[in-house]
Amino acid sequence: MLKVEDLHSGYGLSEVLFGVSLEVGAGEVVTLIGRNGMGKTTTIRTIMGLLPTRKGEVSFGGARLSGLPPYRVARVGLGLVPEGRQVFSMLNVEENLVATAANRQKRADAWTLSDVYRTFPRLGERRRQFANTLSGGEQQMLAIGRALMTNPALLILDEATEGLAPLIREEIWACLAGLKDAGQSILVIDKNLGALVQLADRHYVLEKGKVVWSGTSDALRDDWDAVEERIGV
């Protein structure tokens, strides 16, 4: 599905990515992990068209994404849960969920409001509440629900559980496990290595804008100390 080859990108005169390559196959859960400032969010922003590709190529389902504006990337089937949630603060929960809802892939099992509320019951309880009055965990649930309502072929989560209470984290991980069981392709950034190794099929470790380790969850378990050293504070 998603193929990133020799990706170079950055901000202004500063280059952040130096030849990042990764792939996400159909039905796979893949992680992008590393310390802060190593290029994870820059990679996601470049994939989504929010930053220009300076060199290399991003493709999805064989179609080239590099150079497309973000709305065109989203229409191809990429759904982003951005770092910092970025919900529409002055819309209520239900308005957030329906504002960008679409089924461009013509899925027979398209996500509905009822599906989202069943996945995250507290969103149903707060459906008429303005998004800026929700807790951080509830806003993250809302951001995930909003992305799911676009029925993405690939769901991308940037810092899936950062700053959330343990019980909320468990709820998010349970949601992602359920999505994986349903065949949803997912690319996820997070720092919780223990949860990621249980969830994901493969992993990429970024360091100073380059992939310095990649492998399956079994390979990660075998090389745990080396990987943990690369992503630790």
Protein backbone atom coordinates (compact mmCIF):
# COMPACT_ATOMS: atom_id res chain seq x y z
CA MET A 1 0.00 0.00 0.00
CA LEU A 2 2.22 2.82 1.28
CA LYS A 3 5.76 2.97 -0.06
CA VAL A 4 8.26 5.66 0.96
CA GLU A 5 11.56 5.63 -0.93
CA ASP A 6 14.67 7.70 -0.15
CA LEU A 7 12.60 10.52 1.35
CA HIS A 8 14.29 13.86 2.00
CA SER A 9 12.37 16.72 3.60
CA GLY A 10 12.64 19.52 6.13
CA TYR A 11 11.71 23.05 7.11
CA GLY A 12 13.07 26.13 5.35
CA LEU A 13 16.82 25.73 4.93
CA SER A 14 16.99 22.88 7.44
CA GLU A 15 16.90 19.31 6.18
CA VAL A 16 15.43 16.84 8.66
CA LEU A 17 15.02 13.61 6.67
CA PHE A 18 17.98 12.06 4.91
CA GLY A 19 16.74 9.19 2.79
CA VAL A 20 13.92 7.58 4.82
CA SER A 21 12.44 4.43 3.29
CA LEU A 22 9.55 2.40 4.70
CA GLU A 23 6.55 0.37 3.63
CA VAL A 24 3.13 -0.51 5.04
CA GLY A 25 1.33 -3.46 3.46
CA ALA A 26 -2.38 -4.18 3.36
CA GLY A 27 -3.64 -5.20 6.80
CA GLU A 28 -0.31 -4.45 8.48
CA VAL A 29 0.37 -2.42 11.60
CA VAL A 30 3.75 -0.70 11.29
CA THR A 31 5.45 1.62 13.78
CA LEU A 32 7.78 4.56 13.39
CA ILE A 33 9.71 5.01 16.62
CA GLY A 34 12.60 7.06 17.96
CA ARG A 35 13.56 9.87 20.30
CA ASN A 36 11.99 13.32 20.03
CA GLY A 37 13.33 15.42 17.19
CA MET A 38 14.49 12.50 15.04
CA GLY A 39 12.10 13.12 12.15
CA LYS A 40 9.03 11.00 12.89
CA THR A 41 6.45 13.78 12.61
CA THR A 42 8.33 15.28 9.66
CA THR A 43 8.01 11.93 7.89
CA ILE A 44 4.26 11.87 8.51
CA ARG A 45 3.80 15.49 7.46
CA THR A 46 5.69 14.83 4.23
CA ILE A 47 3.66 11.70 3.47
CA MET A 48 0.46 13.71 3.97
CA GLY A 49 1.62 16.54 1.70
CA LEU A 50 1.90 19.05 4.53
CA LEU A 51 5.62 19.40 3.74
CA PRO A 52 7.16 19.20 0.26
CA THR A 53 9.21 16.19 -0.80
CA ARG A 54 12.69 17.46 -1.60
CA LYS A 55 13.95 14.15 -2.92
CA GLY A 56 12.58 10.63 -3.13
CA GLU A 57 9.03 9.45 -3.60
CA VAL A 58 5.88 8.60 -1.66
CA SER A 59 3.36 6.30 -3.32
CA PHE A 60 0.15 4.62 -2.23
CA GLY A 61 -1.40 1.70 -4.03
CA GLY A 62 1.04 2.33 -6.86
CA ALA A 63 -0.05 5.96 -7.32
CA ARG A 64 2.46 8.73 -6.71
CA LEU A 65 1.58 11.03 -3.80
CA SER A 66 4.65 13.28 -3.83
CA GLY A 67 3.68 16.80 -4.87
CA LEU A 68 -0.04 16.38 -4.18
CA PRO A 69 -1.77 18.84 -1.81
CA PRO A 70 -2.98 17.40 1.52
CA TYR A 71 -6.65 17.21 0.52
CA ARG A 72 -5.73 15.06 -2.51
CA VAL A 73 -3.62 12.77 -0.31
CA ALA A 74 -6.54 12.36 2.09
CA ARG A 75 -8.90 11.52 -0.77
CA VAL A 76 -6.64 8.68 -1.88
CA GLY A 77 -7.39 6.98 1.44
CA LEU A 78 -4.97 8.19 4.12
CA GLY A 79 -6.53 9.20 7.42
CA LEU A 80 -4.39 11.17 9.88
CA VAL A 81 -4.70 11.45 13.65
CA PRO A 82 -2.26 14.35 14.09
CA GLU A 83 0.05 15.09 16.97
CA GLY A 84 -1.79 17.38 19.36
CA ARG A 85 -5.22 16.04 18.22
CA GLN A 86 -6.24 19.29 16.44
CA VAL A 87 -9.96 18.75 16.86
CA PHE A 88 -12.34 21.52 15.79
CA SER A 89 -12.63 23.21 19.16
CA MET A 90 -15.85 25.17 18.58
CA LEU A 91 -17.75 22.23 17.08
CA ASN A 92 -19.36 19.64 19.27
CA VAL A 93 -18.33 15.98 19.25
CA GLU A 94 -20.87 14.89 16.65
CA GLU A 95 -20.14 17.85 14.38
CA ASN A 96 -16.43 16.98 14.51
CA LEU A 97 -17.19 13.42 13.47
CA VAL A 98 -19.41 14.29 10.51
CA ALA A 99 -17.50 17.38 9.31
CA THR A 100 -15.05 15.41 7.17
CA ALA A 101 -16.87 12.06 6.97
CA ALA A 102 -16.64 10.30 3.60
CA ASN A 103 -16.63 6.87 2.02
CA ARG A 104 -14.54 7.45 -1.09
CA GLN A 105 -13.34 3.83 -1.12
CA LYS A 106 -17.01 2.70 -1.35
CA ARG A 107 -16.65 0.36 1.61
CA ALA A 108 -19.68 -1.78 2.35
CA ASP A 109 -18.81 -1.67 6.05
CA ALA A 110 -18.31 2.10 6.21
CA TRP A 111 -17.90 3.69 9.63
CA THR A 112 -20.98 5.35 11.11
CA LEU A 113 -21.58 7.52 14.17
CA SER A 114 -22.96 4.45 15.94
CA ASP A 115 -19.74 2.55 15.22
CA VAL A 116 -17.63 5.35 16.69
CA TYR A 117 -19.83 5.64 19.78
CA ARG A 118 -19.70 1.89 20.26
CA THR A 119 -15.88 1.99 20.04
CA PHE A 120 -15.61 5.02 22.36
CA PRO A 121 -18.78 5.11 24.53
CA ARG A 122 -17.80 8.34 26.29
CA LEU A 123 -17.95 10.18 22.95
CA GLY A 124 -21.57 9.14 22.67
CA GLU A 125 -22.18 10.48 26.16
CA ARG A 126 -20.63 13.80 25.14
CA ARG A 127 -21.93 14.04 21.58
CA ARG A 128 -23.39 17.53 22.12
CA GLN A 129 -20.39 18.83 24.07
CA PHE A 130 -17.93 21.28 22.48
CA ALA A 131 -14.60 19.65 21.67
CA ASN A 132 -12.57 22.24 23.56
CA THR A 133 -14.28 21.19 26.80
CA LEU A 134 -13.20 17.55 26.51
CA SER A 135 -10.27 16.05 28.39
CA GLY A 136 -7.07 15.30 26.48
CA GLY A 137 -7.95 11.62 26.33
CA GLU A 138 -11.45 12.33 25.04
CA GLN A 139 -10.03 14.65 22.40
CA GLN A 140 -7.70 11.87 21.26
CA MET A 141 -10.65 9.48 20.99
CA LEU A 142 -12.45 12.15 18.98
CA ALA A 143 -9.46 12.62 16.66
CA ILE A 144 -9.33 8.86 16.05
CA GLY A 145 -13.07 8.70 15.49
CA ARG A 146 -12.92 11.62 13.07
CA ALA A 147 -10.20 9.87 11.06
CA LEU A 148 -12.15 6.60 11.03
CA MET A 149 -15.23 8.41 9.70
CA THR A 150 -13.22 9.15 6.54
CA ASN A 151 -12.99 5.34 6.07
CA PRO A 152 -9.25 5.40 5.41
CA ALA A 153 -7.42 2.59 3.66
CA LEU A 154 -4.45 3.55 5.88
CA LEU A 155 -4.86 5.08 9.35
CA ILE A 156 -1.87 7.13 10.54
CA LEU A 157 -1.50 8.08 14.20
CA ASP A 158 1.18 10.56 15.29
CA GLU A 159 1.83 10.06 19.04
CA ALA A 160 -1.14 7.79 19.63
CA THR A 161 -1.12 7.90 23.45
CA GLU A 162 1.26 10.69 24.43
CA GLY A 163 0.29 12.43 27.66
CA LEU A 164 -2.78 10.30 28.29
CA ALA A 165 -3.82 8.66 31.54
CA PRO A 166 -3.11 4.90 31.80
CA LEU A 167 -6.78 3.89 31.54
CA ILE A 168 -7.25 6.01 28.41
CA ARG A 169 -4.09 4.52 26.90
CA GLU A 170 -5.50 1.05 27.45
CA GLU A 171 -8.69 2.08 25.68
CA ILE A 172 -6.73 3.44 22.71
CA TRP A 173 -4.59 0.29 22.45
CA ALA A 174 -7.72 -1.88 22.63
CA CYS A 175 -9.25 0.16 19.81
CA LEU A 176 -6.15 -0.25 17.63
CA ALA A 177 -6.03 -3.99 18.33
CA GLY A 178 -9.65 -4.26 17.25
CA LEU A 179 -8.93 -2.31 14.08
CA LYS A 180 -6.01 -4.60 13.30
CA ASP A 181 -8.22 -7.66 13.78
CA ALA A 182 -10.64 -6.11 11.30
CA GLY A 183 -7.86 -5.77 8.71
CA GLN A 184 -7.21 -2.03 9.01
CA SER A 185 -3.76 -0.94 7.85
CA ILE A 186 -2.13 1.33 10.43
CA LEU A 187 1.06 3.39 10.70
CA VAL A 188 1.60 4.50 14.29
CA ILE A 189 4.08 6.67 16.18
CA ASP A 190 4.29 6.17 19.93
CA LYS A 191 6.87 5.77 22.68
CA ASN A 192 5.28 2.80 24.47
CA LEU A 193 7.53 0.06 23.13
CA GLY A 194 5.87 -2.64 25.22
CA ALA A 195 2.45 -1.94 23.74
CA LEU A 196 3.79 -1.48 20.22
CA VAL A 197 5.59 -4.82 20.14
CA GLN A 198 2.34 -6.53 21.13
CA LEU A 199 0.31 -4.70 18.47
CA ALA A 200 2.51 -4.20 15.43
CA ASP A 201 3.85 -6.46 12.71
CA ARG A 202 6.94 -4.43 11.87
CA HIS A 203 8.92 -1.47 13.19
CA TYR A 204 11.20 1.28 11.87
CA VAL A 205 13.54 3.20 14.20
CA LEU A 206 14.48 6.74 13.17
CA GLU A 207 17.63 8.48 14.34
CA LYS A 208 18.71 11.87 12.99
CA GLY A 209 16.44 11.58 10.00
CA LYS A 210 17.53 8.09 8.95
CA VAL A 211 16.16 4.59 9.48
CA VAL A 212 18.77 2.90 11.67
CA TRP A 213 16.88 -0.30 12.49
CA SER A 214 13.90 -2.14 11.06
CA GLY A 215 12.37 -5.51 11.64
CA THR A 216 9.46 -7.60 12.86
CA SER A 217 8.17 -7.70 16.41
CA ASP A 218 10.00 -11.00 16.93
CA ALA A 219 13.23 -9.37 15.74
CA LEU A 220 12.61 -6.44 18.06
CA ARG A 221 12.19 -8.77 21.04
CA ASP A 222 15.49 -10.44 20.14
CA ASP A 223 17.23 -7.06 19.81
CA TRP A 224 15.31 -5.32 22.60
CA ASP A 225 18.20 -3.67 24.45
CA ALA A 226 19.73 -2.19 21.29
CA VAL A 227 16.40 -0.79 20.09
CA GLU A 228 15.46 0.52 23.53
CA GLU A 229 18.78 2.31 23.76
CA ARG A 230 18.14 4.05 20.45
CA ILE A 231 14.67 5.29 21.41
CA GLY A 232 15.24 5.98 25.13
CA VAL A 233 15.67 9.44 26.60
